[in-house]
Amino acid sequence: MSLATVGRPTRPALTEDNSAAHPGRGLLQDEPLIFEVGGWDKTGVDLPKLTDGETDLSDLEGLTRTAPLRLPGLSEPETLRHYVRLSQKNHAIDLAIYPLGSCTMKHNPRLCEKMARLPGFADIHPLQPVSTVQGALELMDQLAHWLKTLTGMPAVALSPKAGAHGELCGLLAMRAAHEARGDARKTVLVPTSAHGTNPATAALAGYQVVEIAQTAEGRVDLADLRAKAGPRRRRGDGHQPQHLRAL
């Protein structure tokens, strides 16, 4: 193991099986369900005892409970510790790498996540009056303007909620464009190294998925791509880059 100039290790120590310790190993806690932790005979809330006059439930007109709620009973410290332990299972870019997926989190700095959690964004309700969300609408309009300027497209959609949702939206738009000009396509080329949502998206959109081989370095095998694309696809239309994969 190499040492820094101050005499401290620069790499994780090898474990007994001679493999480096996983950076997220400390997060792998066996936390049971809250229903398995709590008992039915305790609660974290102290309520005053009812007097005889307060036990008259006739005004509920038959809506009184006839069986226990079967909710988990935990003390306040037990509840706090349970949810703290669950929160420690959350993955983050500064804990370990994202091998695939989570592109929004993987490519956004922490500052972007912090801005997205500002009350003016995080606390908006979808059914709020338009007059109360003008700031968010202005931000969306400015983003749409930037995207249209960069791509030369007449319009963009900000409705997709995640990467896979965006893939489906883009693929359906391409399918509609092909069908509108009488050039409907039946297949979508997907590298074997692609994220699982890529072939799933293509199948959901009604296409036949054709896999493209990868090289020993994990890159797209261009020879296999040319062979399976055929003369109709050599112009490159129908190609949607997804980081190091393509639809």
C-alpha atoms as a PDB file:
ATOM      1  CA  MET A   1       0.000   0.000   0.000  1.00  0.00           C
ATOM      2  CA  SER A   2       1.376   3.396  -1.008  1.00  0.00           C
ATOM      3  CA  LEU A   3       1.556   6.170   1.583  1.00  0.00           C
ATOM      4  CA  ALA A   4       0.999   9.892   1.308  1.00  0.00           C
ATOM      5  CA  THR A   5       3.773  12.264   2.335  1.00  0.00           C
ATOM      6  CA  VAL A   6       2.227  12.497   5.798  1.00  0.00           C
ATOM      7  CA  GLY A   7       2.467   8.718   6.218  1.00  0.00           C
ATOM      8  CA  ARG A   8      -1.216   7.876   5.710  1.00  0.00           C
ATOM      9  CA  PRO A   9      -2.552   5.223   3.282  1.00  0.00           C
ATOM     10  CA  THR A  10      -3.830   6.516  -0.042  1.00  0.00           C
ATOM     11  CA  ARG A  11      -5.929   3.434  -0.865  1.00  0.00           C
ATOM     12  CA  PRO A  12      -8.385   1.271   1.090  1.00  0.00           C
ATOM     13  CA  ALA A  13      -6.787  -1.699   2.819  1.00  0.00           C
ATOM     14  CA  LEU A  14      -7.396  -5.109   1.296  1.00  0.00           C
ATOM     15  CA  THR A  15      -9.964  -7.299   2.984  1.00  0.00           C
ATOM     16  CA  GLU A  16      -9.502 -10.935   3.950  1.00  0.00           C
ATOM     17  CA  ASP A  17     -10.501 -12.051   0.461  1.00  0.00           C
ATOM     18  CA  ASN A  18      -7.786  -9.730  -0.931  1.00  0.00           C
ATOM     19  CA  SER A  19     -10.275  -7.275  -2.405  1.00  0.00           C
ATOM     20  CA  ALA A  20     -10.419  -3.569  -1.651  1.00  0.00           C
ATOM     21  CA  ALA A  21     -13.132  -2.525   0.768  1.00  0.00           C
ATOM     22  CA  HIS A  22     -16.272  -1.308  -1.027  1.00  0.00           C
ATOM     23  CA  PRO A  23     -16.837   2.424  -0.363  1.00  0.00           C
ATOM     24  CA  GLY A  24     -20.477   1.808   0.457  1.00  0.00           C
ATOM     25  CA  ARG A  25     -19.937  -1.213   2.708  1.00  0.00           C
ATOM     26  CA  GLY A  26     -20.619   0.769   5.855  1.00  0.00           C
ATOM     27  CA  LEU A  27     -24.121   1.526   4.570  1.00  0.00           C
ATOM     28  CA  LEU A  28     -25.155  -2.116   4.266  1.00  0.00           C
ATOM     29  CA  GLN A  29     -27.216  -2.359   7.422  1.00  0.00           C
ATOM     30  CA  ASP A  30     -29.898  -4.950   7.994  1.00  0.00           C
ATOM     31  CA  GLU A  31     -32.755  -2.686   9.040  1.00  0.00           C
ATOM     32  CA  PRO A  32     -36.086  -4.487   9.577  1.00  0.00           C
ATOM     33  CA  LEU A  33     -39.454  -3.056   8.598  1.00  0.00           C
ATOM     34  CA  ILE A  34     -41.030  -0.680  11.084  1.00  0.00           C
ATOM     35  CA  PHE A  35     -43.833  -3.229  11.573  1.00  0.00           C
ATOM     36  CA  GLU A  36     -41.185  -5.724  12.655  1.00  0.00           C
ATOM     37  CA  VAL A  37     -39.529  -3.259  15.047  1.00  0.00           C
ATOM     38  CA  GLY A  38     -42.603  -1.937  16.833  1.00  0.00           C
ATOM     39  CA  GLY A  39     -44.793  -3.734  19.272  1.00  0.00           C
ATOM     40  CA  TRP A  40     -48.544  -3.350  19.520  1.00  0.00           C
ATOM     41  CA  ASP A  41     -48.376  -2.676  23.250  1.00  0.00           C
ATOM     42  CA  LYS A  42     -46.464   0.617  23.192  1.00  0.00           C
ATOM     43  CA  THR A  43     -46.622   4.046  21.636  1.00  0.00           C
ATOM     44  CA  GLY A  44     -44.475   7.145  21.344  1.00  0.00           C
ATOM     45  CA  VAL A  45     -47.362   9.455  22.225  1.00  0.00           C
ATOM     46  CA  ASP A  46     -48.602  10.208  25.754  1.00  0.00           C
ATOM     47  CA  LEU A  47     -52.324  10.976  25.818  1.00  0.00           C
ATOM     48  CA  PRO A  48     -54.378  11.881  28.890  1.00  0.00           C
ATOM     49  CA  LYS A  49     -56.799   9.277  30.162  1.00  0.00           C
ATOM     50  CA  LEU A  50     -60.424   9.749  29.219  1.00  0.00           C
ATOM     51  CA  THR A  51     -62.968  10.460  31.900  1.00  0.00           C
ATOM     52  CA  ASP A  52     -66.313   8.679  32.046  1.00  0.00           C
ATOM     53  CA  GLY A  53     -68.045  11.581  30.346  1.00  0.00           C
ATOM     54  CA  GLU A  54     -65.566  11.542  27.460  1.00  0.00           C
ATOM     55  CA  THR A  55     -66.091   7.903  26.570  1.00  0.00           C
ATOM     56  CA  ASP A  56     -69.587   8.444  25.126  1.00  0.00           C
ATOM     57  CA  LEU A  57     -69.140   7.697  21.419  1.00  0.00           C
ATOM     58  CA  SER A  58     -72.801   7.656  20.445  1.00  0.00           C
ATOM     59  CA  ASP A  59     -72.378  10.735  18.251  1.00  0.00           C
ATOM     60  CA  LEU A  60     -70.098   8.713  15.919  1.00  0.00           C
ATOM     61  CA  GLU A  61     -73.173   6.800  14.687  1.00  0.00           C
ATOM     62  CA  GLY A  62     -71.613   3.381  14.379  1.00  0.00           C
ATOM     63  CA  LEU A  63     -68.229   4.570  13.102  1.00  0.00           C
ATOM     64  CA  THR A  64     -66.348   3.448  16.187  1.00  0.00           C
ATOM     65  CA  ARG A  65     -63.465   1.079  15.648  1.00  0.00           C
ATOM     66  CA  THR A  66     -64.195  -2.565  16.401  1.00  0.00           C
ATOM     67  CA  ALA A  67     -60.668  -3.934  15.910  1.00  0.00           C
ATOM     68  CA  PRO A  68     -57.146  -2.642  16.668  1.00  0.00           C
ATOM     69  CA  LEU A  69     -55.462  -0.515  14.003  1.00  0.00           C
ATOM     70  CA  ARG A  70     -52.451  -2.832  14.013  1.00  0.00           C
ATOM     71  CA  LEU A  71     -50.070   0.094  13.618  1.00  0.00           C
ATOM     72  CA  PRO A  72     -46.471  -0.372  14.818  1.00  0.00           C
ATOM     73  CA  GLY A  73     -45.821   0.985  18.272  1.00  0.00           C
ATOM     74  CA  LEU A  74     -42.412   2.561  18.846  1.00  0.00           C
ATOM     75  CA  SER A  75     -41.013   4.990  21.333  1.00  0.00           C
ATOM     76  CA  GLU A  76     -39.820   8.337  20.003  1.00  0.00           C
ATOM     77  CA  PRO A  77     -36.089   7.366  20.112  1.00  0.00           C
ATOM     78  CA  GLU A  78     -36.827   4.069  18.347  1.00  0.00           C
ATOM     79  CA  THR A  79     -38.722   5.866  15.591  1.00  0.00           C
ATOM     80  CA  LEU A  80     -35.952   8.415  15.122  1.00  0.00           C
ATOM     81  CA  ARG A  81     -33.213   5.782  14.971  1.00  0.00           C
ATOM     82  CA  HIS A  82     -35.193   3.633  12.534  1.00  0.00           C
ATOM     83  CA  TYR A  83     -35.573   6.410   9.985  1.00  0.00           C
ATOM     84  CA  VAL A  84     -32.011   7.654  10.459  1.00  0.00           C
ATOM     85  CA  ARG A  85     -30.730   4.155   9.695  1.00  0.00           C
ATOM     86  CA  LEU A  86     -32.939   4.029   6.600  1.00  0.00           C
ATOM     87  CA  SER A  87     -31.568   7.408   5.477  1.00  0.00           C
ATOM     88  CA  GLN A  88     -28.044   6.034   5.730  1.00  0.00           C
ATOM     89  CA  LYS A  89     -28.916   3.534   3.007  1.00  0.00           C
ATOM     90  CA  ASN A  90     -29.342   6.392   0.526  1.00  0.00           C
ATOM     91  CA  HIS A  91     -26.688   6.336  -2.164  1.00  0.00           C
ATOM     92  CA  ALA A  92     -24.736   9.433  -3.131  1.00  0.00           C
ATOM     93  CA  ILE A  93     -22.019  10.269  -5.644  1.00  0.00           C
ATOM     94  CA  ASP A  94     -19.559  11.017  -2.833  1.00  0.00           C
ATOM     95  CA  LEU A  95     -20.087   7.552  -1.325  1.00  0.00           C
ATOM     96  CA  ALA A  96     -19.524   5.312  -4.362  1.00  0.00           C
ATOM     97  CA  ILE A  97     -19.842   5.376  -8.133  1.00  0.00           C
ATOM     98  CA  TYR A  98     -23.030   5.028 -10.139  1.00  0.00           C
ATOM     99  CA  PRO A  99     -22.201   2.188 -12.560  1.00  0.00           C
ATOM    100  CA  LEU A 100     -25.345   2.774 -14.638  1.00  0.00           C
ATOM    101  CA  GLY A 101     -28.388   4.961 -14.496  1.00  0.00           C
ATOM    102  CA  SER A 102     -29.099   7.839 -12.114  1.00  0.00           C
ATOM    103  CA  CYS A 103     -27.789  10.139 -14.832  1.00  0.00           C
ATOM    104  CA  THR A 104     -29.427  13.224 -13.378  1.00  0.00           C
ATOM    105  CA  MET A 105     -27.692  12.695 -10.039  1.00  0.00           C
ATOM    106  CA  LYS A 106     -24.476  11.455 -11.619  1.00  0.00           C
ATOM    107  CA  HIS A 107     -23.888  14.502 -13.813  1.00  0.00           C
ATOM    108  CA  ASN A 108     -25.304  17.228 -11.572  1.00  0.00           C
ATOM    109  CA  PRO A 109     -23.185  18.878  -8.884  1.00  0.00           C
ATOM    110  CA  ARG A 110     -24.484  19.035  -5.347  1.00  0.00           C
ATOM    111  CA  LEU A 111     -25.357  22.690  -5.881  1.00  0.00           C
ATOM    112  CA  CYS A 112     -28.033  21.738  -8.432  1.00  0.00           C
ATOM    113  CA  GLU A 113     -29.594  19.328  -5.965  1.00  0.00           C
ATOM    114  CA  LYS A 114     -29.590  22.061  -3.329  1.00  0.00           C
ATOM    115  CA  MET A 115     -31.287  24.525  -5.660  1.00  0.00           C
ATOM    116  CA  ALA A 116     -33.957  21.972  -6.580  1.00  0.00           C
ATOM    117  CA  ARG A 117     -34.796  21.631  -2.891  1.00  0.00           C
ATOM    118  CA  LEU A 118     -35.462  25.339  -2.374  1.00  0.00           C
ATOM    119  CA  PRO A 119     -38.971  25.808  -0.944  1.00  0.00           C
ATOM    120  CA  GLY A 120     -40.084  27.763  -4.003  1.00  0.00           C
ATOM    121  CA  PHE A 121     -39.528  24.652  -6.116  1.00  0.00           C
ATOM    122  CA  ALA A 122     -39.856  21.720  -3.730  1.00  0.00           C
ATOM    123  CA  ASP A 123     -43.117  22.881  -2.120  1.00  0.00           C
ATOM    124  CA  ILE A 124     -45.025  23.617  -5.326  1.00  0.00           C
ATOM    125  CA  HIS A 125     -48.258  21.674  -5.753  1.00  0.00           C
ATOM    126  CA  PRO A 126     -49.248  20.584  -9.280  1.00  0.00           C
ATOM    127  CA  LEU A 127     -52.718  22.114  -8.851  1.00  0.00           C
ATOM    128  CA  GLN A 128     -51.574  25.484  -7.496  1.00  0.00           C
ATOM    129  CA  PRO A 129     -53.051  28.567  -9.177  1.00  0.00           C
ATOM    130  CA  VAL A 130     -50.880  29.684 -12.094  1.00  0.00           C
ATOM    131  CA  SER A 131     -50.557  33.118 -10.527  1.00  0.00           C
ATOM    132  CA  THR A 132     -48.630  31.634  -7.585  1.00  0.00           C
ATOM    133  CA  VAL A 133     -45.979  29.763  -9.625  1.00  0.00           C
ATOM    134  CA  GLN A 134     -44.791  32.461 -12.012  1.00  0.00           C
ATOM    135  CA  GLY A 135     -41.175  32.086 -10.881  1.00  0.00           C
ATOM    136  CA  ALA A 136     -41.087  28.388 -11.727  1.00  0.00           C
ATOM    137  CA  LEU A 137     -42.824  28.999 -15.066  1.00  0.00           C
ATOM    138  CA  GLU A 138     -40.276  31.697 -15.921  1.00  0.00           C
ATOM    139  CA  LEU A 139     -37.439  29.286 -15.186  1.00  0.00           C
ATOM    140  CA  MET A 140     -39.036  26.582 -17.374  1.00  0.00           C
ATOM    141  CA  ASP A 141     -39.579  29.054 -20.199  1.00  0.00           C
ATOM    142  CA  GLN A 142     -35.945  30.183 -20.063  1.00  0.00           C
ATOM    143  CA  LEU A 143     -34.719  26.567 -20.064  1.00  0.00           C
ATOM    144  CA  ALA A 144     -36.950  25.757 -23.049  1.00  0.00           C
ATOM    145  CA  HIS A 145     -35.568  28.796 -24.894  1.00  0.00           C
ATOM    146  CA  TRP A 146     -31.982  27.660 -24.285  1.00  0.00           C
ATOM    147  CA  LEU A 147     -32.727  24.113 -25.462  1.00  0.00           C
ATOM    148  CA  LYS A 148     -34.486  25.330 -28.629  1.00  0.00           C
ATOM    149  CA  THR A 149     -31.613  27.705 -29.382  1.00  0.00           C
ATOM    150  CA  LEU A 150     -28.989  24.985 -28.907  1.00  0.00           C
ATOM    151  CA  THR A 151     -30.806  22.307 -30.915  1.00  0.00           C
ATOM    152  CA  GLY A 152     -32.600  24.375 -33.531  1.00  0.00           C
ATOM    153  CA  MET A 153     -35.865  22.617 -32.670  1.00  0.00           C
ATOM    154  CA  PRO A 154     -39.162  24.537 -32.863  1.00  0.00           C
ATOM    155  CA  ALA A 155     -40.329  23.238 -29.471  1.00  0.00           C
ATOM    156  CA  VAL A 156     -39.221  21.089 -26.549  1.00  0.00           C
ATOM    157  CA  ALA A 157     -41.055  19.057 -23.907  1.00  0.00           C
ATOM    158  CA  LEU A 158     -40.262  19.469 -20.227  1.00  0.00           C
ATOM    159  CA  SER A 159     -42.849  16.907 -19.137  1.00  0.00           C
ATOM    160  CA  PRO A 160     -40.556  13.832 -18.734  1.00  0.00           C
ATOM    161  CA  LYS A 161     -39.811  13.203 -15.069  1.00  0.00           C
ATOM    162  CA  ALA A 162     -36.682  11.037 -15.456  1.00  0.00           C
ATOM    163  CA  GLY A 163     -34.185   9.631 -17.946  1.00  0.00           C
ATOM    164  CA  ALA A 164     -36.272   6.615 -18.933  1.00  0.00           C
ATOM    165  CA  HIS A 165     -39.340   8.840 -19.281  1.00  0.00           C
ATOM    166  CA  GLY A 166     -37.319  11.176 -21.494  1.00  0.00           C
ATOM    167  CA  GLU A 167     -36.138   8.264 -23.629  1.00  0.00           C
ATOM    168  CA  LEU A 168     -39.724   7.193 -24.238  1.00  0.00           C
ATOM    169  CA  CYS A 169     -40.812  10.737 -25.026  1.00  0.00           C
ATOM    170  CA  GLY A 170     -37.971  11.167 -27.538  1.00  0.00           C
ATOM    171  CA  LEU A 171     -38.552   7.796 -29.185  1.00  0.00           C
ATOM    172  CA  LEU A 172     -42.289   8.406 -29.549  1.00  0.00           C
ATOM    173  CA  ALA A 173     -41.516  11.790 -31.115  1.00  0.00           C
ATOM    174  CA  MET A 174     -39.136  10.155 -33.611  1.00  0.00           C
ATOM    175  CA  ARG A 175     -41.708   7.465 -34.406  1.00  0.00           C
ATOM    176  CA  ALA A 176     -44.375  10.092 -35.033  1.00  0.00           C
ATOM    177  CA  ALA A 177     -41.992  12.032 -37.309  1.00  0.00           C
ATOM    178  CA  HIS A 178     -41.144   8.913 -39.343  1.00  0.00           C
ATOM    179  CA  GLU A 179     -44.789   7.917 -39.667  1.00  0.00           C
ATOM    180  CA  ALA A 180     -45.817  11.442 -40.662  1.00  0.00           C
ATOM    181  CA  ARG A 181     -43.495  11.331 -43.666  1.00  0.00           C
ATOM    182  CA  GLY A 182     -44.489   7.790 -44.590  1.00  0.00           C
ATOM    183  CA  ASP A 183     -41.191   6.259 -43.486  1.00  0.00           C
ATOM    184  CA  ALA A 184     -42.210   4.124 -40.500  1.00  0.00           C
ATOM    185  CA  ARG A 185     -39.422   2.126 -38.869  1.00  0.00           C
ATOM    186  CA  LYS A 186     -39.671  -1.283 -37.194  1.00  0.00           C
ATOM    187  CA  THR A 187     -36.368  -1.762 -35.353  1.00  0.00           C
ATOM    188  CA  VAL A 188     -34.214   0.079 -32.838  1.00  0.00           C
ATOM    189  CA  LEU A 189     -30.507  -0.640 -32.441  1.00  0.00           C
ATOM    190  CA  VAL A 190     -29.337  -0.899 -28.836  1.00  0.00           C
ATOM    191  CA  PRO A 191     -25.751  -1.682 -27.711  1.00  0.00           C
ATOM    192  CA  THR A 192     -25.358  -4.567 -25.286  1.00  0.00           C
ATOM    193  CA  SER A 193     -23.611  -2.100 -22.947  1.00  0.00           C
ATOM    194  CA  ALA A 194     -26.681   0.141 -22.808  1.00  0.00           C
ATOM    195  CA  HIS A 195     -28.719   0.764 -19.701  1.00  0.00           C
ATOM    196  CA  GLY A 196     -31.621  -1.627 -19.289  1.00  0.00           C
ATOM    197  CA  THR A 197     -34.169   1.128 -19.799  1.00  0.00           C
ATOM    198  CA  ASN A 198     -33.027   1.564 -23.429  1.00  0.00           C
ATOM    199  CA  PRO A 199     -34.268  -1.765 -24.824  1.00  0.00           C
ATOM    200  CA  ALA A 200     -37.262  -1.613 -22.489  1.00  0.00           C
ATOM    201  CA  THR A 201     -38.188   1.815 -23.868  1.00  0.00           C
ATOM    202  CA  ALA A 202     -37.879   0.616 -27.450  1.00  0.00           C
ATOM    203  CA  ALA A 203     -40.043  -2.432 -26.754  1.00  0.00           C
ATOM    204  CA  LEU A 204     -42.647  -0.310 -24.979  1.00  0.00           C
ATOM    205  CA  ALA A 205     -42.782   1.998 -27.995  1.00  0.00           C
ATOM    206  CA  GLY A 206     -43.572  -0.992 -30.212  1.00  0.00           C
ATOM    207  CA  TYR A 207     -40.180  -1.556 -31.837  1.00  0.00           C
ATOM    208  CA  GLN A 208     -38.130  -4.696 -32.365  1.00  0.00           C
ATOM    209  CA  VAL A 209     -34.867  -4.431 -30.424  1.00  0.00           C
ATOM    210  CA  VAL A 210     -31.646  -5.407 -32.224  1.00  0.00           C
ATOM    211  CA  GLU A 211     -28.533  -5.625 -30.048  1.00  0.00           C
ATOM    212  CA  ILE A 212     -25.205  -4.142 -31.139  1.00  0.00           C
ATOM    213  CA  ALA A 213     -22.083  -5.879 -29.876  1.00  0.00           C
ATOM    214  CA  GLN A 214     -19.443  -4.142 -27.775  1.00  0.00           C
ATOM    215  CA  THR A 215     -15.681  -4.206 -27.918  1.00  0.00           C
ATOM    216  CA  ALA A 216     -13.377  -5.512 -25.205  1.00  0.00           C
ATOM    217  CA  GLU A 217     -13.127  -1.917 -23.951  1.00  0.00           C
ATOM    218  CA  GLY A 218     -16.899  -1.696 -23.546  1.00  0.00           C
ATOM    219  CA  ARG A 219     -17.394   0.610 -26.537  1.00  0.00           C
ATOM    220  CA  VAL A 220     -19.863   0.144 -29.388  1.00  0.00           C
ATOM    221  CA  ASP A 221     -18.556  -2.283 -32.015  1.00  0.00           C
ATOM    222  CA  LEU A 222     -18.706  -0.050 -35.105  1.00  0.00           C
ATOM    223  CA  ALA A 223     -18.352  -2.964 -37.520  1.00  0.00           C
ATOM    224  CA  ASP A 224     -21.379  -4.685 -35.992  1.00  0.00           C
ATOM    225  CA  LEU A 225     -23.237  -1.378 -35.999  1.00  0.00           C
ATOM    226  CA  ARG A 226     -22.611  -0.867 -39.732  1.00  0.00           C
ATOM    227  CA  ALA A 227     -23.626  -4.433 -40.528  1.00  0.00           C
ATOM    228  CA  LYS A 228     -26.899  -4.250 -38.619  1.00  0.00           C
ATOM    229  CA  ALA A 229     -27.762  -0.678 -39.557  1.00  0.00           C
ATOM    230  CA  GLY A 230     -27.937  -1.448 -43.274  1.00  0.00           C
ATOM    231  CA  PRO A 231     -28.117   1.101 -46.088  1.00  0.00           C
ATOM    232  CA  ARG A 232     -31.327   2.626 -44.783  1.00  0.00           C
ATOM    233  CA  ARG A 233     -29.737   3.597 -41.477  1.00  0.00           C
ATOM    234  CA  ARG A 234     -26.315   4.710 -42.647  1.00  0.00           C
ATOM    235  CA  ARG A 235     -27.451   8.299 -42.833  1.00  0.00           C
ATOM    236  CA  GLY A 236     -27.639   8.280 -39.043  1.00  0.00           C
ATOM    237  CA  ASP A 237     -31.273   9.261 -38.690  1.00  0.00           C
ATOM    238  CA  GLY A 238     -33.023   7.391 -35.891  1.00  0.00           C
ATOM    239  CA  HIS A 239     -29.853   7.597 -33.790  1.00  0.00           C
ATOM    240  CA  GLN A 240     -30.375   8.961 -30.282  1.00  0.00           C
ATOM    241  CA  PRO A 241     -27.168   9.223 -28.220  1.00  0.00           C
ATOM    242  CA  GLN A 242     -27.578   8.221 -24.584  1.00  0.00           C
ATOM    243  CA  HIS A 243     -24.142   8.905 -23.091  1.00  0.00           C
ATOM    244  CA  LEU A 244     -22.198   5.889 -24.439  1.00  0.00           C
ATOM    245  CA  ARG A 245     -25.192   4.094 -25.855  1.00  0.00           C
ATOM    246  CA  ALA A 246     -27.565   4.669 -28.730  1.00  0.00           C
ATOM    247  CA  LEU A 247     -31.143   4.071 -29.649  1.00  0.00           C
END
